[in-house]
PDB file of N, CA and C in Angstrom:
ATOM      1  N   MET A   1     -48.810  55.897 154.345  1.00  0.00           N
ATOM      2  CA  MET A   1     -47.884  55.128 154.804  1.00  0.00           C
ATOM      3  C   MET A   1     -48.551  55.161 156.242  1.00  0.00           C
ATOM      4  N   ALA A   2     -49.440  56.202 156.616  1.00  0.00           N
ATOM      5  CA  ALA A   2     -50.213  56.325 158.224  1.00  0.00           C
ATOM      6  C   ALA A   2     -51.147  55.652 158.105  1.00  0.00           C
ATOM      7  N   ARG A   3     -51.562  54.844 157.459  1.00  0.00           N
ATOM      8  CA  ARG A   3     -52.907  53.786 156.961  1.00  0.00           C
ATOM      9  C   ARG A   3     -51.813  52.432 157.446  1.00  0.00           C
ATOM     10  N   LEU A   4     -51.302  52.058 156.573  1.00  0.00           N
ATOM     11  CA  LEU A   4     -50.131  51.056 156.638  1.00  0.00           C
ATOM     12  C   LEU A   4     -49.485  51.071 157.898  1.00  0.00           C
ATOM     13  N   LEU A   5     -49.099  52.140 158.703  1.00  0.00           N
ATOM     14  CA  LEU A   5     -48.654  51.847 160.119  1.00  0.00           C
ATOM     15  C   LEU A   5     -49.548  51.661 161.103  1.00  0.00           C
ATOM     16  N   GLU A   6     -50.506  52.932 160.976  1.00  0.00           N
ATOM     17  CA  GLU A   6     -51.327  52.026 161.917  1.00  0.00           C
ATOM     18  C   GLU A   6     -51.875  50.417 161.928  1.00  0.00           C
ATOM     19  N   CYS A   7     -52.189  50.131 161.238  1.00  0.00           N
ATOM     20  CA  CYS A   7     -52.696  48.304 160.970  1.00  0.00           C
ATOM     21  C   CYS A   7     -51.374  47.645 161.395  1.00  0.00           C
ATOM     22  N   LEU A   8     -50.321  48.493 161.271  1.00  0.00           N
ATOM     23  CA  LEU A   8     -49.420  47.289 162.109  1.00  0.00           C
ATOM     24  C   LEU A   8     -49.169  47.438 163.566  1.00  0.00           C
ATOM     25  N   LEU A   9     -49.767  48.750 163.967  1.00  0.00           N
ATOM     26  CA  LEU A   9     -49.349  49.004 165.331  1.00  0.00           C
ATOM     27  C   LEU A   9     -50.359  48.513 166.083  1.00  0.00           C
ATOM     28  N   LEU A  10     -51.960  48.290 165.367  1.00  0.00           N
ATOM     29  CA  LEU A  10     -52.688  47.790 166.296  1.00  0.00           C
ATOM     30  C   LEU A  10     -52.374  46.076 166.527  1.00  0.00           C
ATOM     31  N   ARG A  11     -51.398  45.545 165.849  1.00  0.00           N
ATOM     32  CA  ARG A  11     -51.391  44.488 166.274  1.00  0.00           C
ATOM     33  C   ARG A  11     -50.055  44.356 166.804  1.00  0.00           C
ATOM     34  N   ASP A  12     -49.698  45.234 167.460  1.00  0.00           N
ATOM     35  CA  ASP A  12     -48.582  45.170 168.882  1.00  0.00           C
ATOM     36  C   ASP A  12     -49.088  45.003 169.702  1.00  0.00           C
ATOM     37  N   GLU A  13     -48.695  44.252 170.773  1.00  0.00           N
ATOM     38  CA  GLU A  13     -49.337  44.468 172.683  1.00  0.00           C
ATOM     39  C   GLU A  13     -49.349  45.821 173.044  1.00  0.00           C
ATOM     40  N   ASN A  14     -47.807  46.420 172.532  1.00  0.00           N
ATOM     41  CA  ASN A  14     -47.544  47.571 172.853  1.00  0.00           C
ATOM     42  C   ASN A  14     -48.146  48.726 172.497  1.00  0.00           C
ATOM     43  N   TRP A  15     -48.939  48.848 171.539  1.00  0.00           N
ATOM     44  CA  TRP A  15     -49.711  49.685 171.055  1.00  0.00           C
ATOM     45  C   TRP A  15     -51.268  49.861 171.946  1.00  0.00           C
ATOM     46  N   ASN A  16     -52.024  50.664 172.460  1.00  0.00           N
ATOM     47  CA  ASN A  16     -53.104  50.789 172.896  1.00  0.00           C
ATOM     48  C   ASN A  16     -54.341  50.806 171.704  1.00  0.00           C
ATOM     49  N   GLU A  17     -55.037  50.209 172.155  1.00  0.00           N
ATOM     50  CA  GLU A  17     -56.284  50.319 170.976  1.00  0.00           C
ATOM     51  C   GLU A  17     -57.060  51.538 171.116  1.00  0.00           C
ATOM     52  N   TYR A  18     -57.240  52.636 171.633  1.00  0.00           N
ATOM     53  CA  TYR A  18     -57.531  53.851 171.716  1.00  0.00           C
ATOM     54  C   TYR A  18     -56.724  54.782 171.421  1.00  0.00           C
ATOM     55  N   TRP A  19     -55.700  54.506 170.753  1.00  0.00           N
ATOM     56  CA  TRP A  19     -54.303  55.419 169.853  1.00  0.00           C
ATOM     57  C   TRP A  19     -54.881  55.137 168.420  1.00  0.00           C
ATOM     58  N   TRP A  20     -54.611  56.201 167.296  1.00  0.00           N
ATOM     59  CA  TRP A  20     -54.474  55.946 166.302  1.00  0.00           C
ATOM     60  C   TRP A  20     -53.502  57.228 165.549  1.00  0.00           C
ATOM     61  N   VAL A  21     -52.887  56.573 164.435  1.00  0.00           N
ATOM     62  CA  VAL A  21     -52.550  57.572 163.367  1.00  0.00           C
ATOM     63  C   VAL A  21     -52.954  58.473 162.885  1.00  0.00           C
ATOM     64  N   ASP A  22     -52.623  59.495 162.747  1.00  0.00           N
ATOM     65  CA  ASP A  22     -53.217  60.741 162.187  1.00  0.00           C
ATOM     66  C   ASP A  22     -52.208  60.608 161.160  1.00  0.00           C
ATOM     67  N   ASP A  23     -51.537  61.056 160.871  1.00  0.00           N
ATOM     68  CA  ASP A  23     -50.579  61.078 159.764  1.00  0.00           C
ATOM     69  C   ASP A  23     -48.709  60.887 159.803  1.00  0.00           C
ATOM     70  N   VAL A  24     -48.286  60.498 158.674  1.00  0.00           N
ATOM     71  CA  VAL A  24     -47.202  60.813 158.479  1.00  0.00           C
ATOM     72  C   VAL A  24     -46.141  61.929 157.483  1.00  0.00           C
ATOM     73  N   LEU A  25     -45.560  62.344 158.577  1.00  0.00           N
ATOM     74  CA  LEU A  25     -45.042  64.287 157.708  1.00  0.00           C
ATOM     75  C   LEU A  25     -43.417  63.376 157.089  1.00  0.00           C
ATOM     76  N   PRO A  26     -42.830  63.958 156.085  1.00  0.00           N
ATOM     77  CA  PRO A  26     -42.182  63.646 155.531  1.00  0.00           C
ATOM     78  C   PRO A  26     -40.671  64.722 156.485  1.00  0.00           C
ATOM     79  N   THR A  27     -39.526  63.989 156.348  1.00  0.00           N
ATOM     80  CA  THR A  27     -38.842  65.047 157.583  1.00  0.00           C
ATOM     81  C   THR A  27     -37.137  65.417 156.447  1.00  0.00           C
ATOM     82  N   ALA A  28     -37.199  64.093 155.217  1.00  0.00           N
ATOM     83  CA  ALA A  28     -36.145  64.371 154.428  1.00  0.00           C
ATOM     84  C   ALA A  28     -36.655  63.990 152.745  1.00  0.00           C
ATOM     85  N   VAL A  29     -35.782  64.271 152.256  1.00  0.00           N
ATOM     86  CA  VAL A  29     -36.082  63.679 150.481  1.00  0.00           C
ATOM     87  C   VAL A  29     -36.199  62.394 150.771  1.00  0.00           C
ATOM     88  N   PRO A  30     -36.844  61.820 149.921  1.00  0.00           N
ATOM     89  CA  PRO A  30     -37.092  60.176 149.756  1.00  0.00           C
ATOM     90  C   PRO A  30     -35.844  59.882 148.991  1.00  0.00           C
ATOM     91  N   VAL A  31     -35.284  58.583 149.307  1.00  0.00           N
ATOM     92  CA  VAL A  31     -33.784  58.412 149.042  1.00  0.00           C
ATOM     93  C   VAL A  31     -34.110  56.944 148.252  1.00  0.00           C
ATOM     94  N   LEU A  32     -33.447  57.090 147.034  1.00  0.00           N
ATOM     95  CA  LEU A  32     -33.552  55.861 145.904  1.00  0.00           C
ATOM     96  C   LEU A  32     -32.133  55.049 146.107  1.00  0.00           C
ATOM     97  N   LEU A  33     -31.969  53.931 146.405  1.00  0.00           N
ATOM     98  CA  LEU A  33     -30.971  53.424 146.011  1.00  0.00           C
ATOM     99  C   LEU A  33     -30.534  51.984 146.148  1.00  0.00           C
ATOM    100  N   ASP A  34     -29.587  51.399 145.184  1.00  0.00           N
ATOM    101  CA  ASP A  34     -30.064  49.863 144.904  1.00  0.00           C
ATOM    102  C   ASP A  34     -31.250  49.354 144.786  1.00  0.00           C
ATOM    103  N   HIS A  35     -32.342  49.847 144.303  1.00  0.00           N
ATOM    104  CA  HIS A  35     -33.685  49.180 144.575  1.00  0.00           C
ATOM    105  C   HIS A  35     -34.221  49.451 145.726  1.00  0.00           C
ATOM    106  N   GLN A  36     -33.810  50.356 146.686  1.00  0.00           N
ATOM    107  CA  GLN A  36     -34.463  50.528 148.312  1.00  0.00           C
ATOM    108  C   GLN A  36     -35.012  51.897 148.098  1.00  0.00           C
ATOM    109  N   LEU A  37     -35.963  52.233 148.351  1.00  0.00           N
ATOM    110  CA  LEU A  37     -36.571  53.384 148.629  1.00  0.00           C
ATOM    111  C   LEU A  37     -36.518  53.929 150.135  1.00  0.00           C
ATOM    112  N   GLN A  38     -36.082  54.695 150.438  1.00  0.00           N
ATOM    113  CA  GLN A  38     -36.005  55.223 152.070  1.00  0.00           C
ATOM    114  C   GLN A  38     -36.580  56.442 152.401  1.00  0.00           C
ATOM    115  N   LEU A  39     -37.977  56.389 153.038  1.00  0.00           N
ATOM    116  CA  LEU A  39     -38.618  57.145 153.790  1.00  0.00           C
ATOM    117  C   LEU A  39     -38.437  57.576 155.069  1.00  0.00           C
ATOM    118  N   GLN A  40     -38.004  58.723 155.716  1.00  0.00           N
ATOM    119  CA  GLN A  40     -38.057  59.414 157.103  1.00  0.00           C
ATOM    120  C   GLN A  40     -38.847  60.464 157.023  1.00  0.00           C
ATOM    121  N   GLY A  41     -39.578  60.337 158.651  1.00  0.00           N
ATOM    122  CA  GLY A  41     -40.344  60.903 158.608  1.00  0.00           C
ATOM    123  C   GLY A  41     -41.032  61.274 160.254  1.00  0.00           C
ATOM    124  N   LEU A  42     -42.020  61.651 160.313  1.00  0.00           N
ATOM    125  CA  LEU A  42     -42.316  61.853 161.916  1.00  0.00           C
ATOM    126  C   LEU A  42     -44.000  61.656 161.917  1.00  0.00           C
ATOM    127  N   MET A  43     -44.407  60.363 162.535  1.00  0.00           N
ATOM    128  CA  MET A  43     -45.459  59.705 162.910  1.00  0.00           C
ATOM    129  C   MET A  43     -46.431  61.031 164.125  1.00  0.00           C
ATOM    130  N   ILE A  44     -47.383  61.298 163.507  1.00  0.00           N
ATOM    131  CA  ILE A  44     -48.358  62.059 164.180  1.00  0.00           C
ATOM    132  C   ILE A  44     -49.509  61.076 164.694  1.00  0.00           C
ATOM    133  N   TRP A  45     -49.333  60.775 166.157  1.00  0.00           N
ATOM    134  CA  TRP A  45     -50.680  60.083 166.948  1.00  0.00           C
ATOM    135  C   TRP A  45     -51.499  60.848 167.392  1.00  0.00           C
ATOM    136  N   SER A  46     -52.753  60.211 168.068  1.00  0.00           N
ATOM    137  CA  SER A  46     -53.413  60.649 169.118  1.00  0.00           C
ATOM    138  C   SER A  46     -54.505  59.721 169.604  1.00  0.00           C
ATOM    139  N   GLN A  47     -55.087  60.068 170.696  1.00  0.00           N
ATOM    140  CA  GLN A  47     -55.902  59.486 171.761  1.00  0.00           C
ATOM    141  C   GLN A  47     -56.790  59.359 171.070  1.00  0.00           C
ATOM    142  N   LYS A  48     -58.062  58.485 171.212  1.00  0.00           N
ATOM    143  CA  LYS A  48     -59.408  58.584 170.755  1.00  0.00           C
ATOM    144  C   LYS A  48     -59.887  59.367 171.869  1.00  0.00           C
ATOM    145  N   GLY A  49     -60.857  60.474 171.714  1.00  0.00           N
ATOM    146  CA  GLY A  49     -61.386  61.172 172.419  1.00  0.00           C
ATOM    147  C   GLY A  49     -60.819  62.575 173.188  1.00  0.00           C
ATOM    148  N   THR A  50     -59.380  62.976 172.249  1.00  0.00           N
ATOM    149  CA  THR A  50     -58.742  64.020 173.092  1.00  0.00           C
ATOM    150  C   THR A  50     -58.172  64.600 171.432  1.00  0.00           C
ATOM    151  N   SER A  51     -58.327  65.562 171.701  1.00  0.00           N
ATOM    152  CA  SER A  51     -57.487  66.533 170.477  1.00  0.00           C
ATOM    153  C   SER A  51     -55.858  67.038 170.136  1.00  0.00           C
ATOM    154  N   LYS A  52     -55.246  66.438 171.471  1.00  0.00           N
ATOM    155  CA  LYS A  52     -53.999  66.536 171.490  1.00  0.00           C
ATOM    156  C   LYS A  52     -53.135  65.000 170.887  1.00  0.00           C
ATOM    157  N   GLU A  53     -51.769  65.898 170.099  1.00  0.00           N
ATOM    158  CA  GLU A  53     -51.264  65.281 169.395  1.00  0.00           C
ATOM    159  C   GLU A  53     -49.549  65.143 169.554  1.00  0.00           C
ATOM    160  N   TRP A  54     -49.020  63.638 169.478  1.00  0.00           N
ATOM    161  CA  TRP A  54     -47.872  63.466 169.427  1.00  0.00           C
ATOM    162  C   TRP A  54     -47.004  63.183 168.400  1.00  0.00           C
ATOM    163  N   VAL A  55     -45.649  63.422 168.850  1.00  0.00           N
ATOM    164  CA  VAL A  55     -45.077  62.920 167.502  1.00  0.00           C
ATOM    165  C   VAL A  55     -44.493  61.787 167.431  1.00  0.00           C
ATOM    166  N   GLU A  56     -43.484  61.013 166.648  1.00  0.00           N
ATOM    167  CA  GLU A  56     -42.729  59.986 167.212  1.00  0.00           C
ATOM    168  C   GLU A  56     -41.773  59.665 165.714  1.00  0.00           C
ATOM    169  N   PRO A  57     -40.402  59.816 166.099  1.00  0.00           N
ATOM    170  CA  PRO A  57     -39.587  59.324 164.518  1.00  0.00           C
ATOM    171  C   PRO A  57     -39.955  58.155 163.913  1.00  0.00           C
ATOM    172  N   CYS A  58     -39.910  58.129 162.506  1.00  0.00           N
ATOM    173  CA  CYS A  58     -40.297  56.520 161.771  1.00  0.00           C
ATOM    174  C   CYS A  58     -39.540  56.657 160.210  1.00  0.00           C
ATOM    175  N   LEU A  59     -39.111  55.604 160.005  1.00  0.00           N
ATOM    176  CA  LEU A  59     -38.120  55.598 158.763  1.00  0.00           C
ATOM    177  C   LEU A  59     -38.882  53.975 158.410  1.00  0.00           C
ATOM    178  N   MET A  60     -39.148  54.263 157.107  1.00  0.00           N
ATOM    179  CA  MET A  60     -39.633  53.381 156.413  1.00  0.00           C
ATOM    180  C   MET A  60     -38.761  52.673 155.244  1.00  0.00           C
ATOM    181  N   ARG A  61     -38.316  51.855 154.801  1.00  0.00           N
ATOM    182  CA  ARG A  61     -37.622  51.322 153.725  1.00  0.00           C
ATOM    183  C   ARG A  61     -38.291  50.019 152.896  1.00  0.00           C
ATOM    184  N   VAL A  62     -38.235  50.390 151.346  1.00  0.00           N
ATOM    185  CA  VAL A  62     -38.951  49.407 150.818  1.00  0.00           C
ATOM    186  C   VAL A  62     -38.096  49.096 149.253  1.00  0.00           C
ATOM    187  N   SER A  63     -37.664  47.719 149.135  1.00  0.00           N
ATOM    188  CA  SER A  63     -36.701  47.172 148.348  1.00  0.00           C
ATOM    189  C   SER A  63     -37.259  46.006 147.754  1.00  0.00           C
ATOM    190  N   GLU A  64     -36.958  46.317 146.603  1.00  0.00           N
ATOM    191  CA  GLU A  64     -37.907  45.100 145.666  1.00  0.00           C
ATOM    192  C   GLU A  64     -36.163  44.712 144.641  1.00  0.00           C
ATOM    193  N   ASN A  65     -35.826  43.473 144.724  1.00  0.00           N
ATOM    194  CA  ASN A  65     -34.955  43.060 143.537  1.00  0.00           C
ATOM    195  C   ASN A  65     -35.516  41.869 143.335  1.00  0.00           C
ATOM    196  N   VAL A  66     -35.743  41.731 141.883  1.00  0.00           N
ATOM    197  CA  VAL A  66     -36.291  40.832 140.845  1.00  0.00           C
ATOM    198  C   VAL A  66     -37.657  40.124 141.544  1.00  0.00           C
ATOM    199  N   ASP A  67     -37.709  39.227 141.685  1.00  0.00           N
ATOM    200  CA  ASP A  67     -38.866  38.697 142.486  1.00  0.00           C
ATOM    201  C   ASP A  67     -39.175  38.815 144.109  1.00  0.00           C
ATOM    202  N   VAL A  68     -38.656  39.475 144.425  1.00  0.00           N
ATOM    203  CA  VAL A  68     -38.063  39.730 145.916  1.00  0.00           C
ATOM    204  C   VAL A  68     -38.836  40.789 146.373  1.00  0.00           C
ATOM    205  N   PHE A  69     -40.241  40.867 147.248  1.00  0.00           N
ATOM    206  CA  PHE A  69     -40.531  42.584 147.720  1.00  0.00           C
ATOM    207  C   PHE A  69     -40.120  42.254 149.287  1.00  0.00           C
ATOM    208  N   SER A  70     -39.376  42.916 149.852  1.00  0.00           N
ATOM    209  CA  SER A  70     -39.249  43.648 151.233  1.00  0.00           C
ATOM    210  C   SER A  70     -39.419  45.075 151.735  1.00  0.00           C
ATOM    211  N   TYR A  71     -40.010  44.701 153.078  1.00  0.00           N
ATOM    212  CA  TYR A  71     -40.204  46.122 153.415  1.00  0.00           C
ATOM    213  C   TYR A  71     -39.664  46.167 155.187  1.00  0.00           C
ATOM    214  N   GLU A  72     -39.398  47.417 155.728  1.00  0.00           N
ATOM    215  CA  GLU A  72     -38.879  47.659 156.930  1.00  0.00           C
ATOM    216  C   GLU A  72     -39.279  49.060 157.372  1.00  0.00           C
ATOM    217  N   ILE A  73     -40.450  48.975 158.714  1.00  0.00           N
ATOM    218  CA  ILE A  73     -41.136  49.578 159.141  1.00  0.00           C
ATOM    219  C   ILE A  73     -40.680  50.096 160.623  1.00  0.00           C
ATOM    220  N   LEU A  74     -40.096  51.497 160.821  1.00  0.00           N
ATOM    221  CA  LEU A  74     -39.188  51.411 162.416  1.00  0.00           C
ATOM    222  C   LEU A  74     -40.170  52.954 162.922  1.00  0.00           C
ATOM    223  N   CYS A  75     -40.661  52.653 163.826  1.00  0.00           N
ATOM    224  CA  CYS A  75     -41.120  53.625 164.250  1.00  0.00           C
ATOM    225  C   CYS A  75     -41.130  53.778 165.909  1.00  0.00           C
ATOM    226  N   GLY A  76     -40.601  55.032 166.644  1.00  0.00           N
ATOM    227  CA  GLY A  76     -40.721  55.573 167.728  1.00  0.00           C
ATOM    228  C   GLY A  76     -39.489  55.321 168.398  1.00  0.00           C
ATOM    229  N   ASP A  77     -38.863  56.083 169.288  1.00  0.00           N
ATOM    230  CA  ASP A  77     -37.666  55.757 170.253  1.00  0.00           C
ATOM    231  C   ASP A  77     -38.046  54.916 171.163  1.00  0.00           C
ATOM    232  N   ALA A  78     -37.502  53.632 171.511  1.00  0.00           N
ATOM    233  CA  ALA A  78     -37.588  52.816 172.387  1.00  0.00           C
ATOM    234  C   ALA A  78     -37.193  53.434 173.875  1.00  0.00           C
ATOM    235  N   LEU A  79     -36.369  54.334 173.878  1.00  0.00           N
ATOM    236  CA  LEU A  79     -35.316  55.198 174.942  1.00  0.00           C
ATOM    237  C   LEU A  79     -36.015  56.109 175.319  1.00  0.00           C
ATOM    238  N   ARG A  80     -36.606  57.186 174.682  1.00  0.00           N
ATOM    239  CA  ARG A  80     -37.257  58.023 175.435  1.00  0.00           C
ATOM    240  C   ARG A  80     -38.817  57.865 175.518  1.00  0.00           C
ATOM    241  N   GLY A  81     -39.548  56.657 175.041  1.00  0.00           N
ATOM    242  CA  GLY A  81     -40.778  56.047 174.979  1.00  0.00           C
ATOM    243  C   GLY A  81     -41.857  57.141 173.852  1.00  0.00           C
ATOM    244  N   LEU A  82     -42.932  56.684 174.341  1.00  0.00           N
ATOM    245  CA  LEU A  82     -44.185  57.322 173.597  1.00  0.00           C
ATOM    246  C   LEU A  82     -44.607  58.443 174.270  1.00  0.00           C
ATOM    247  N   GLY A  83     -45.295  59.512 173.212  1.00  0.00           N
ATOM    248  CA  GLY A  83     -46.188  60.627 174.099  1.00  0.00           C
ATOM    249  C   GLY A  83     -45.280  61.401 174.955  1.00  0.00           C
ATOM    250  N   GLU A  84     -43.987  61.879 174.433  1.00  0.00           N
ATOM    251  CA  GLU A  84     -42.614  62.551 174.972  1.00  0.00           C
ATOM    252  C   GLU A  84     -42.799  63.594 174.546  1.00  0.00           C
ATOM    253  N   VAL A  85     -43.149  63.743 173.356  1.00  0.00           N
ATOM    254  CA  VAL A  85     -43.265  65.152 172.106  1.00  0.00           C
ATOM    255  C   VAL A  85     -44.204  65.022 171.976  1.00  0.00           C
ATOM    256  N   THR A  86     -45.295  66.464 172.032  1.00  0.00           N
ATOM    257  CA  THR A  86     -46.081  67.006 171.664  1.00  0.00           C
ATOM    258  C   THR A  86     -45.598  67.445 169.976  1.00  0.00           C
ATOM    259  N   TYR A  87     -47.539  67.406 169.352  1.00  0.00           N
ATOM    260  CA  TYR A  87     -47.223  68.015 167.878  1.00  0.00           C
ATOM    261  C   TYR A  87     -46.440  69.557 168.161  1.00  0.00           C
ATOM    262  N   GLU A  88     -46.800  70.538 168.882  1.00  0.00           N
ATOM    263  CA  GLU A  88     -46.389  71.828 168.988  1.00  0.00           C
ATOM    264  C   GLU A  88     -44.712  71.565 169.176  1.00  0.00           C
ATOM    265  N   GLN A  89     -44.392  70.619 169.912  1.00  0.00           N
ATOM    266  CA  GLN A  89     -43.024  70.566 170.303  1.00  0.00           C
ATOM    267  C   GLN A  89     -42.178  69.825 169.266  1.00  0.00           C
ATOM    268  N   ARG A  90     -42.556  69.701 168.095  1.00  0.00           N
ATOM    269  CA  ARG A  90     -41.766  68.303 166.999  1.00  0.00           C
ATOM    270  C   ARG A  90     -40.814  69.149 166.558  1.00  0.00           C
ATOM    271  N   ARG A  91     -39.772  68.471 166.109  1.00  0.00           N
ATOM    272  CA  ARG A  91     -38.450  68.979 165.836  1.00  0.00           C
ATOM    273  C   ARG A  91     -37.971  67.703 164.632  1.00  0.00           C
ATOM    274  N   MET A  92     -37.757  68.403 163.476  1.00  0.00           N
ATOM    275  CA  MET A  92     -37.680  67.825 162.348  1.00  0.00           C
ATOM    276  C   MET A  92     -36.131  67.757 162.475  1.00  0.00           C
ATOM    277  N   ASN A  93     -34.904  67.468 162.731  1.00  0.00           N
ATOM    278  CA  ASN A  93     -33.801  67.263 162.926  1.00  0.00           C
ATOM    279  C   ASN A  93     -33.019  66.520 162.081  1.00  0.00           C
ATOM    280  N   GLY A  94     -34.084  65.577 161.713  1.00  0.00           N
ATOM    281  CA  GLY A  94     -33.421  63.966 161.351  1.00  0.00           C
ATOM    282  C   GLY A  94     -32.674  63.159 161.936  1.00  0.00           C
ATOM    283  N   ALA A  95     -32.408  64.027 163.096  1.00  0.00           N
ATOM    284  CA  ALA A  95     -31.807  62.656 164.100  1.00  0.00           C
ATOM    285  C   ALA A  95     -32.911  61.522 164.285  1.00  0.00           C
ATOM    286  N   LEU A  96     -32.293  59.747 164.286  1.00  0.00           N
ATOM    287  CA  LEU A  96     -32.642  59.074 164.441  1.00  0.00           C
ATOM    288  C   LEU A  96     -32.479  58.088 165.381  1.00  0.00           C
ATOM    289  N   PRO A  97     -33.631  57.411 166.076  1.00  0.00           N
ATOM    290  CA  PRO A  97     -33.145  56.565 167.822  1.00  0.00           C
ATOM    291  C   PRO A  97     -32.199  55.609 167.415  1.00  0.00           C
ATOM    292  N   GLU A  98     -31.854  55.627 168.136  1.00  0.00           N
ATOM    293  CA  GLU A  98     -30.245  54.364 168.667  1.00  0.00           C
ATOM    294  C   GLU A  98     -31.224  53.079 168.830  1.00  0.00           C
ATOM    295  N   GLN A  99     -32.426  53.383 169.467  1.00  0.00           N
ATOM    296  CA  GLN A  99     -33.507  52.155 169.442  1.00  0.00           C
ATOM    297  C   GLN A  99     -34.652  52.456 169.281  1.00  0.00           C
ATOM    298  N   TRP A 100     -35.217  51.432 168.035  1.00  0.00           N
ATOM    299  CA  TRP A 100     -36.595  51.960 167.797  1.00  0.00           C
ATOM    300  C   TRP A 100     -37.866  51.182 168.641  1.00  0.00           C
ATOM    301  N   GLY A 101     -38.768  51.741 168.791  1.00  0.00           N
ATOM    302  CA  GLY A 101     -40.040  50.938 169.845  1.00  0.00           C
ATOM    303  C   GLY A 101     -40.594  50.459 169.428  1.00  0.00           C
ATOM    304  N   PHE A 102     -40.986  50.195 167.569  1.00  0.00           N
ATOM    305  CA  PHE A 102     -41.470  49.475 166.834  1.00  0.00           C
ATOM    306  C   PHE A 102     -40.989  48.869 165.367  1.00  0.00           C
ATOM    307  N   VAL A 103     -40.727  47.802 165.429  1.00  0.00           N
ATOM    308  CA  VAL A 103     -39.963  47.169 164.307  1.00  0.00           C
ATOM    309  C   VAL A 103     -41.034  45.982 163.654  1.00  0.00           C
ATOM    310  N   PHE A 104     -41.305  47.128 162.468  1.00  0.00           N
ATOM    311  CA  PHE A 104     -42.151  45.667 161.343  1.00  0.00           C
ATOM    312  C   PHE A 104     -40.885  45.664 160.343  1.00  0.00           C
ATOM    313  N   ALA A 105     -41.337  44.277 159.861  1.00  0.00           N
ATOM    314  CA  ALA A 105     -40.574  43.688 158.678  1.00  0.00           C
ATOM    315  C   ALA A 105     -41.155  42.652 157.724  1.00  0.00           C
ATOM    316  N   ARG A 106     -40.725  42.431 156.750  1.00  0.00           N
ATOM    317  CA  ARG A 106     -40.962  41.538 155.833  1.00  0.00           C
ATOM    318  C   ARG A 106     -39.699  40.908 155.134  1.00  0.00           C
ATOM    319  N   ARG A 107     -39.197  40.018 155.228  1.00  0.00           N
ATOM    320  CA  ARG A 107     -38.314  39.811 154.111  1.00  0.00           C
ATOM    321  C   ARG A 107     -38.426  38.689 153.930  1.00  0.00           C
ATOM    322  N   PRO A 108     -39.401  38.201 152.613  1.00  0.00           N
ATOM    323  CA  PRO A 108     -39.514  36.906 152.354  1.00  0.00           C
ATOM    324  C   PRO A 108     -37.925  36.352 151.855  1.00  0.00           C
ATOM    325  N   SER A 109     -38.383  34.844 151.486  1.00  0.00           N
ATOM    326  CA  SER A 109     -37.247  34.030 150.634  1.00  0.00           C
ATOM    327  C   SER A 109     -37.800  34.432 149.391  1.00  0.00           C
ATOM    328  N   ILE A 110     -36.740  34.043 148.483  1.00  0.00           N
ATOM    329  CA  ILE A 110     -36.800  34.508 147.043  1.00  0.00           C
ATOM    330  C   ILE A 110     -37.811  33.488 146.669  1.00  0.00           C
ATOM    331  N   ALA A 111     -38.480  34.103 145.528  1.00  0.00           N
ATOM    332  CA  ALA A 111     -39.483  33.440 145.090  1.00  0.00           C
ATOM    333  C   ALA A 111     -38.980  32.332 143.633  1.00  0.00           C
ATOM    334  N   ARG A 112     -39.478  31.147 143.678  1.00  0.00           N
ATOM    335  CA  ARG A 112     -38.916  30.434 142.887  1.00  0.00           C
ATOM    336  C   ARG A 112     -40.000  29.787 141.472  1.00  0.00           C
TER     337      ARG A 112
END
């Protein structure tokens, strides 16, 4: 999940090319409901040339219904901003942001 998230972030103008995603830590038990898998966690990221790391909330939903595969990846708290919580300060209380900083989605039309 970390590599996929990093690839998506590198395409976003709000992500710095010198930042990199180290890992994603699960913060909740994965949920499978109606052909949708939901994974909640913390993205751990850093800046090249430093050993300091920060964490951001993230949520990934993957769905498969018949011939349709879709995903939604949400990351960062838009209201708080990036880099406000260090790895040492991380809290795994399960609270999700009111507004996500990064939203990536693939919702294709039904294959025929």
